[in-house]
Amino acid sequence: MTGDDYSMAYQVGCAPGPNAAVAMAPGPGGMPVLVVYLDPVNMVIHSASSPAANRDLAGFCRELAREATRLADAIDPAHGPRHLLRDEVSGDA
């Protein structure tokens, strides 16, 4: 394993603790990574160092954002967004 290769495949399930947070942070070589602090479990999501891998990660992050919004709306509908946003792909509201 090299200094920049810290990837690991795993599956985890846990409930976020009271201090859970998410942040974009600089990773190895200055490439941005997504850090998920689940309190107490932390994980880093990053891409391999290639333009194609960066596009794949960007797509994953967009999908993650959409699905996280759907989950938040399902479990706490009273506090959802007050304005409809247009779908980026179809243009539908």
N, C-alpha and C. Protein backbone atom coordinates (compact mmCIF):
# COMPACT_ATOMS: atom_id res chain seq x y z
N MET A 1 0.85 -1.18 0.00
CA MET A 1 0.00 0.00 0.00
C MET A 1 0.89 1.24 0.00
N THR A 2 0.62 2.17 -0.91
CA THR A 2 1.38 3.41 -0.97
C THR A 2 0.76 4.44 -0.05
N GLY A 3 1.43 5.57 0.09
CA GLY A 3 0.92 6.62 0.96
C GLY A 3 -0.40 7.19 0.51
N ASP A 4 -0.66 7.21 -0.82
CA ASP A 4 -1.91 7.76 -1.34
C ASP A 4 -3.01 6.71 -1.48
N ASP A 5 -2.68 5.44 -1.29
CA ASP A 5 -3.66 4.37 -1.48
C ASP A 5 -4.13 3.86 -0.12
N TYR A 6 -5.22 4.39 0.34
CA TYR A 6 -5.75 3.97 1.64
C TYR A 6 -7.17 3.43 1.49
N SER A 7 -7.50 2.94 0.29
CA SER A 7 -8.83 2.42 0.03
C SER A 7 -9.07 1.10 0.74
N MET A 8 -10.31 0.90 1.13
CA MET A 8 -10.70 -0.35 1.76
C MET A 8 -12.17 -0.59 1.42
N ALA A 9 -12.48 -1.80 1.03
CA ALA A 9 -13.87 -2.16 0.76
C ALA A 9 -14.48 -2.75 2.02
N TYR A 10 -15.63 -2.25 2.42
CA TYR A 10 -16.30 -2.77 3.60
C TYR A 10 -17.77 -2.38 3.57
N GLN A 11 -18.53 -2.99 4.42
CA GLN A 11 -19.94 -2.66 4.58
C GLN A 11 -20.16 -2.36 6.05
N VAL A 12 -20.88 -1.29 6.32
CA VAL A 12 -21.11 -0.90 7.70
C VAL A 12 -22.56 -0.42 7.85
N GLY A 13 -23.12 -0.64 8.99
CA GLY A 13 -24.44 -0.12 9.30
C GLY A 13 -24.41 0.45 10.70
N CYS A 14 -24.84 1.69 10.84
CA CYS A 14 -24.89 2.29 12.17
C CYS A 14 -25.81 3.50 12.12
N ALA A 15 -26.24 3.94 13.28
CA ALA A 15 -27.08 5.13 13.39
C ALA A 15 -26.19 6.31 13.76
N PRO A 16 -26.39 7.46 13.12
CA PRO A 16 -25.57 8.63 13.46
C PRO A 16 -25.79 9.05 14.91
N GLY A 17 -24.70 9.38 15.57
CA GLY A 17 -24.77 9.87 16.94
C GLY A 17 -25.10 11.36 16.97
N PRO A 18 -25.19 11.93 18.16
CA PRO A 18 -25.59 13.34 18.29
C PRO A 18 -24.60 14.32 17.68
N ASN A 19 -23.35 13.93 17.50
CA ASN A 19 -22.35 14.82 16.92
C ASN A 19 -22.02 14.46 15.47
N ALA A 20 -22.89 13.71 14.79
CA ALA A 20 -22.65 13.32 13.41
C ALA A 20 -22.59 14.55 12.51
N ALA A 21 -21.75 14.47 11.49
CA ALA A 21 -21.59 15.58 10.55
C ALA A 21 -20.99 15.04 9.25
N VAL A 22 -21.04 15.86 8.23
CA VAL A 22 -20.44 15.54 6.93
C VAL A 22 -19.67 16.77 6.48
N ALA A 23 -18.51 16.54 5.86
CA ALA A 23 -17.72 17.67 5.38
C ALA A 23 -16.88 17.28 4.19
N MET A 24 -16.67 18.23 3.29
CA MET A 24 -15.69 18.05 2.25
C MET A 24 -14.37 18.56 2.83
N ALA A 25 -13.31 17.79 2.62
CA ALA A 25 -12.02 18.14 3.18
C ALA A 25 -10.92 17.81 2.18
N PRO A 26 -9.75 18.41 2.32
CA PRO A 26 -8.65 18.04 1.44
C PRO A 26 -8.14 16.65 1.80
N GLY A 27 -7.91 15.83 0.79
CA GLY A 27 -7.40 14.49 1.01
C GLY A 27 -5.96 14.40 0.52
N PRO A 28 -5.50 13.19 0.29
CA PRO A 28 -4.13 12.99 -0.19
C PRO A 28 -3.89 13.74 -1.50
N GLY A 29 -2.78 14.42 -1.58
CA GLY A 29 -2.45 15.16 -2.79
C GLY A 29 -3.31 16.39 -3.01
N GLY A 30 -4.10 16.78 -2.02
CA GLY A 30 -4.95 17.95 -2.14
C GLY A 30 -6.28 17.70 -2.81
N MET A 31 -6.54 16.47 -3.27
CA MET A 31 -7.83 16.16 -3.89
C MET A 31 -8.92 16.19 -2.81
N PRO A 32 -10.07 16.79 -3.10
CA PRO A 32 -11.13 16.82 -2.10
C PRO A 32 -11.73 15.44 -1.86
N VAL A 33 -12.10 15.20 -0.62
CA VAL A 33 -12.76 13.95 -0.21
C VAL A 33 -14.00 14.31 0.58
N LEU A 34 -14.92 13.37 0.70
CA LEU A 34 -16.10 13.54 1.53
C LEU A 34 -15.87 12.77 2.81
N VAL A 35 -15.91 13.44 3.94
CA VAL A 35 -15.71 12.80 5.23
C VAL A 35 -17.06 12.73 5.93
N VAL A 36 -17.45 11.51 6.32
CA VAL A 36 -18.70 11.28 7.02
C VAL A 36 -18.36 10.91 8.45
N TYR A 37 -18.66 11.82 9.36
CA TYR A 37 -18.42 11.61 10.79
C TYR A 37 -19.74 11.13 11.39
N LEU A 38 -19.87 9.83 11.65
CA LEU A 38 -21.14 9.30 12.14
C LEU A 38 -21.24 9.30 13.66
N ASP A 39 -20.18 9.63 14.34
CA ASP A 39 -20.17 9.68 15.80
C ASP A 39 -20.65 8.37 16.41
N PRO A 40 -19.80 7.41 16.55
CA PRO A 40 -18.34 7.50 16.61
C PRO A 40 -17.62 7.00 15.36
N VAL A 41 -18.29 6.45 14.37
CA VAL A 41 -17.62 5.89 13.20
C VAL A 41 -17.37 6.99 12.18
N ASN A 42 -16.18 7.04 11.60
CA ASN A 42 -15.85 7.99 10.55
C ASN A 42 -15.49 7.22 9.28
N MET A 43 -15.84 7.79 8.13
CA MET A 43 -15.40 7.19 6.87
C MET A 43 -15.11 8.29 5.88
N VAL A 44 -14.21 7.99 4.95
CA VAL A 44 -13.80 8.93 3.92
C VAL A 44 -14.18 8.33 2.57
N ILE A 45 -14.83 9.13 1.74
CA ILE A 45 -15.20 8.70 0.39
C ILE A 45 -14.37 9.53 -0.57
N HIS A 46 -13.63 8.84 -1.44
CA HIS A 46 -12.76 9.53 -2.38
C HIS A 46 -12.72 8.77 -3.69
N SER A 47 -12.15 9.37 -4.71
CA SER A 47 -12.02 8.70 -6.00
C SER A 47 -10.58 8.28 -6.21
N ALA A 48 -10.40 7.40 -7.18
CA ALA A 48 -9.05 7.10 -7.64
C ALA A 48 -8.56 8.35 -8.39
N SER A 49 -7.30 8.44 -8.62
CA SER A 49 -6.74 9.65 -9.24
C SER A 49 -6.81 9.57 -10.77
N SER A 50 -8.01 9.77 -11.31
CA SER A 50 -8.17 9.84 -12.76
C SER A 50 -9.41 10.67 -13.07
N PRO A 51 -9.44 11.32 -14.22
CA PRO A 51 -10.62 12.10 -14.58
C PRO A 51 -11.90 11.27 -14.60
N ALA A 52 -11.83 10.04 -15.11
CA ALA A 52 -13.03 9.19 -15.15
C ALA A 52 -13.50 8.85 -13.74
N ALA A 53 -12.56 8.53 -12.85
CA ALA A 53 -12.93 8.21 -11.47
C ALA A 53 -13.52 9.44 -10.78
N ASN A 54 -13.00 10.62 -11.08
CA ASN A 54 -13.56 11.85 -10.50
C ASN A 54 -14.99 12.07 -10.97
N ARG A 55 -15.27 11.81 -12.26
CA ARG A 55 -16.64 11.93 -12.77
C ARG A 55 -17.56 10.92 -12.10
N ASP A 56 -17.06 9.70 -11.90
CA ASP A 56 -17.85 8.68 -11.22
C ASP A 56 -18.18 9.11 -9.79
N LEU A 57 -17.19 9.65 -9.09
CA LEU A 57 -17.42 10.11 -7.71
C LEU A 57 -18.40 11.28 -7.70
N ALA A 58 -18.27 12.19 -8.65
CA ALA A 58 -19.21 13.32 -8.71
C ALA A 58 -20.63 12.82 -8.92
N GLY A 59 -20.81 11.86 -9.81
CA GLY A 59 -22.13 11.29 -10.03
C GLY A 59 -22.66 10.60 -8.79
N PHE A 60 -21.79 9.87 -8.09
CA PHE A 60 -22.19 9.21 -6.86
C PHE A 60 -22.61 10.25 -5.82
N CYS A 61 -21.86 11.33 -5.68
CA CYS A 61 -22.20 12.35 -4.69
C CYS A 61 -23.54 13.00 -5.01
N ARG A 62 -23.82 13.22 -6.30
CA ARG A 62 -25.13 13.78 -6.67
C ARG A 62 -26.25 12.81 -6.35
N GLU A 63 -26.03 11.53 -6.63
CA GLU A 63 -27.03 10.52 -6.29
C GLU A 63 -27.21 10.42 -4.78
N LEU A 64 -26.12 10.48 -4.04
CA LEU A 64 -26.17 10.45 -2.57
C LEU A 64 -26.99 11.63 -2.05
N ALA A 65 -26.77 12.82 -2.60
CA ALA A 65 -27.51 14.00 -2.18
C ALA A 65 -29.01 13.84 -2.44
N ARG A 66 -29.36 13.33 -3.64
CA ARG A 66 -30.78 13.13 -3.96
C ARG A 66 -31.43 12.13 -3.01
N GLU A 67 -30.77 11.00 -2.79
CA GLU A 67 -31.35 9.95 -1.95
C GLU A 67 -31.38 10.38 -0.48
N ALA A 68 -30.39 11.12 -0.03
CA ALA A 68 -30.41 11.63 1.35
C ALA A 68 -31.57 12.61 1.53
N THR A 69 -31.84 13.42 0.52
CA THR A 69 -32.97 14.35 0.58
C THR A 69 -34.29 13.58 0.63
N ARG A 70 -34.40 12.53 -0.18
CA ARG A 70 -35.62 11.71 -0.16
C ARG A 70 -35.83 11.09 1.21
N LEU A 71 -34.75 10.57 1.82
CA LEU A 71 -34.86 9.97 3.14
C LEU A 71 -35.27 11.02 4.17
N ALA A 72 -34.64 12.18 4.14
CA ALA A 72 -34.99 13.25 5.09
C ALA A 72 -36.45 13.65 4.95
N ASP A 73 -36.92 13.77 3.71
CA ASP A 73 -38.32 14.13 3.48
C ASP A 73 -39.28 13.04 3.96
N ALA A 74 -38.87 11.78 3.83
CA ALA A 74 -39.73 10.68 4.26
C ALA A 74 -39.84 10.59 5.77
N ILE A 75 -38.75 10.85 6.48
CA ILE A 75 -38.78 10.69 7.93
C ILE A 75 -39.13 11.98 8.67
N ASP A 76 -39.05 13.15 7.98
CA ASP A 76 -39.37 14.42 8.61
C ASP A 76 -39.98 15.37 7.57
N PRO A 77 -41.17 15.02 7.06
CA PRO A 77 -41.75 15.80 5.96
C PRO A 77 -42.09 17.25 6.32
N ALA A 78 -42.31 17.54 7.57
CA ALA A 78 -42.70 18.90 7.96
C ALA A 78 -41.55 19.90 7.81
N HIS A 79 -40.32 19.42 7.75
CA HIS A 79 -39.18 20.32 7.69
C HIS A 79 -38.44 20.25 6.35
N GLY A 80 -39.13 19.83 5.30
CA GLY A 80 -38.53 19.74 3.98
C GLY A 80 -38.39 21.11 3.34
N PRO A 81 -37.85 21.15 2.12
CA PRO A 81 -37.70 22.44 1.44
C PRO A 81 -39.05 23.07 1.15
N ARG A 82 -39.09 24.39 1.17
CA ARG A 82 -40.34 25.10 0.91
C ARG A 82 -40.54 25.39 -0.56
N HIS A 83 -39.51 25.22 -1.37
CA HIS A 83 -39.60 25.52 -2.80
C HIS A 83 -39.21 24.27 -3.59
N LEU A 84 -39.97 23.96 -4.64
CA LEU A 84 -39.62 22.84 -5.49
C LEU A 84 -38.40 23.19 -6.33
N LEU A 85 -37.51 22.23 -6.48
CA LEU A 85 -36.35 22.41 -7.33
C LEU A 85 -36.56 21.63 -8.62
N ARG A 86 -36.07 22.14 -9.71
CA ARG A 86 -36.19 21.44 -10.99
C ARG A 86 -35.23 20.26 -11.02
N ASP A 87 -35.71 19.13 -11.57
CA ASP A 87 -34.86 17.96 -11.75
C ASP A 87 -33.77 18.31 -12.76
N GLU A 88 -32.52 18.02 -12.43
CA GLU A 88 -31.40 18.39 -13.30
C GLU A 88 -31.44 17.67 -14.65
N VAL A 89 -32.00 16.48 -14.68
CA VAL A 89 -31.99 15.70 -15.92
C VAL A 89 -33.19 16.02 -16.80
N SER A 90 -34.39 15.92 -16.25
CA SER A 90 -35.60 16.05 -17.08
C SER A 90 -36.16 17.45 -17.12
N GLY A 91 -35.79 18.32 -16.17
CA GLY A 91 -36.36 19.66 -16.10
C GLY A 91 -37.70 19.69 -15.41
N ASP A 92 -38.17 18.52 -14.92
CA ASP A 92 -39.45 18.48 -14.22
C ASP A 92 -39.32 19.04 -12.83
N ALA A 93 -40.40 19.63 -12.34
CA ALA A 93 -40.41 20.14 -10.96
C ALA A 93 -40.67 19.01 -10.01
